[in-house]
Protein backbone atom coordinates (compact mmCIF):
# COMPACT_ATOMS: atom_id res chain seq x y z
CA MET A 1 94.65 83.74 66.63
CA ASN A 2 92.91 82.14 63.62
CA GLN A 3 95.27 80.82 60.93
CA GLN A 4 93.33 82.86 58.35
CA SER A 5 94.09 86.01 60.05
CA LEU A 6 96.46 88.41 58.20
CA PHE A 7 98.49 88.72 61.42
CA TYR A 8 99.05 84.90 61.94
CA PRO A 9 102.37 84.74 59.93
CA ILE A 10 103.72 87.43 61.99
CA ILE A 11 102.36 86.56 65.48
CA LYS A 12 105.79 85.66 67.04
CA GLU A 13 107.40 89.02 65.85
CA LEU A 14 104.25 90.95 67.15
CA LYS A 15 104.41 89.23 70.54
CA ALA A 16 108.19 89.80 70.84
CA LYS A 17 107.53 93.57 70.12
CA GLU A 18 104.74 93.79 72.52
CA GLU A 19 106.89 92.12 75.20
CA TRP A 20 109.85 94.65 74.50
CA GLN A 21 107.43 97.66 74.91
CA PHE A 22 106.04 96.33 77.96
CA LYS A 23 109.39 95.92 79.61
CA MET A 24 110.57 99.29 78.42
CA THR A 25 107.53 101.21 79.79
CA GLU A 26 105.46 99.47 82.39
CA SER A 27 107.56 96.99 84.18
CA LEU A 28 110.60 99.05 84.82
CA SER A 29 109.43 100.32 88.04
CA THR A 30 106.11 100.58 89.83
CA THR A 31 107.46 102.76 92.76
CA SER A 32 106.27 106.00 91.42
CA ILE A 33 102.88 104.50 90.69
CA VAL A 34 102.48 103.16 94.01
CA LYS A 35 103.44 106.51 95.60
CA LYS A 36 100.73 108.32 93.42
CA ILE A 37 98.11 105.73 94.49
CA VAL A 38 98.96 106.24 98.16
CA LYS A 39 98.88 110.06 97.65
CA ALA A 40 95.58 109.97 95.99
CA ALA A 41 94.14 107.64 98.74
CA GLU A 42 95.42 109.95 101.56
CA ALA A 43 94.48 113.26 99.93
CA LYS A 44 91.81 115.20 101.69
CA LYS A 45 91.03 116.76 98.29
CA PRO A 46 92.15 114.39 95.74
CA ASN A 47 92.89 115.54 92.14
CA LEU A 48 90.76 114.46 89.23
CA ARG A 49 93.68 112.52 87.84
CA TYR A 50 97.08 111.38 88.65
CA SER A 51 99.80 110.51 86.26
CA ALA A 52 102.85 108.28 86.88
CA PRO A 53 105.73 107.68 86.12
CA TRP A 54 106.83 111.13 85.42
CA TRP A 55 107.72 110.53 81.76
CA GLN A 56 104.16 109.39 80.90
CA ALA A 57 102.72 112.44 82.74
CA LEU A 58 105.02 114.67 80.63
CA GLY A 59 104.12 112.85 77.44
CA VAL A 60 100.32 113.65 78.44
CA ARG A 61 100.73 117.19 79.06
CA ILE A 62 102.75 117.65 75.72
CA LEU A 63 99.85 115.93 73.87
CA ARG A 64 97.36 118.16 75.59
CA ILE A 65 99.40 121.42 74.29
CA PHE A 66 99.07 120.03 70.82
CA GLY A 67 95.31 119.30 71.30
CA LYS A 68 95.46 115.48 71.17
């Protein structure tokens, strides 16, 4: 990042927050994601989309209810 950037002074803080968010969401377990990939690959009539893990799928449905 360029030293003239407005975010340069807080780059360490931003990286730490990003790493924490990644650990809390994506890296906890990939088992459910792998199962969805296998399900989609083996389906005779695959769905248009698959969501995993379950809590992200729930979040997507809630957002759709509210028109997001």
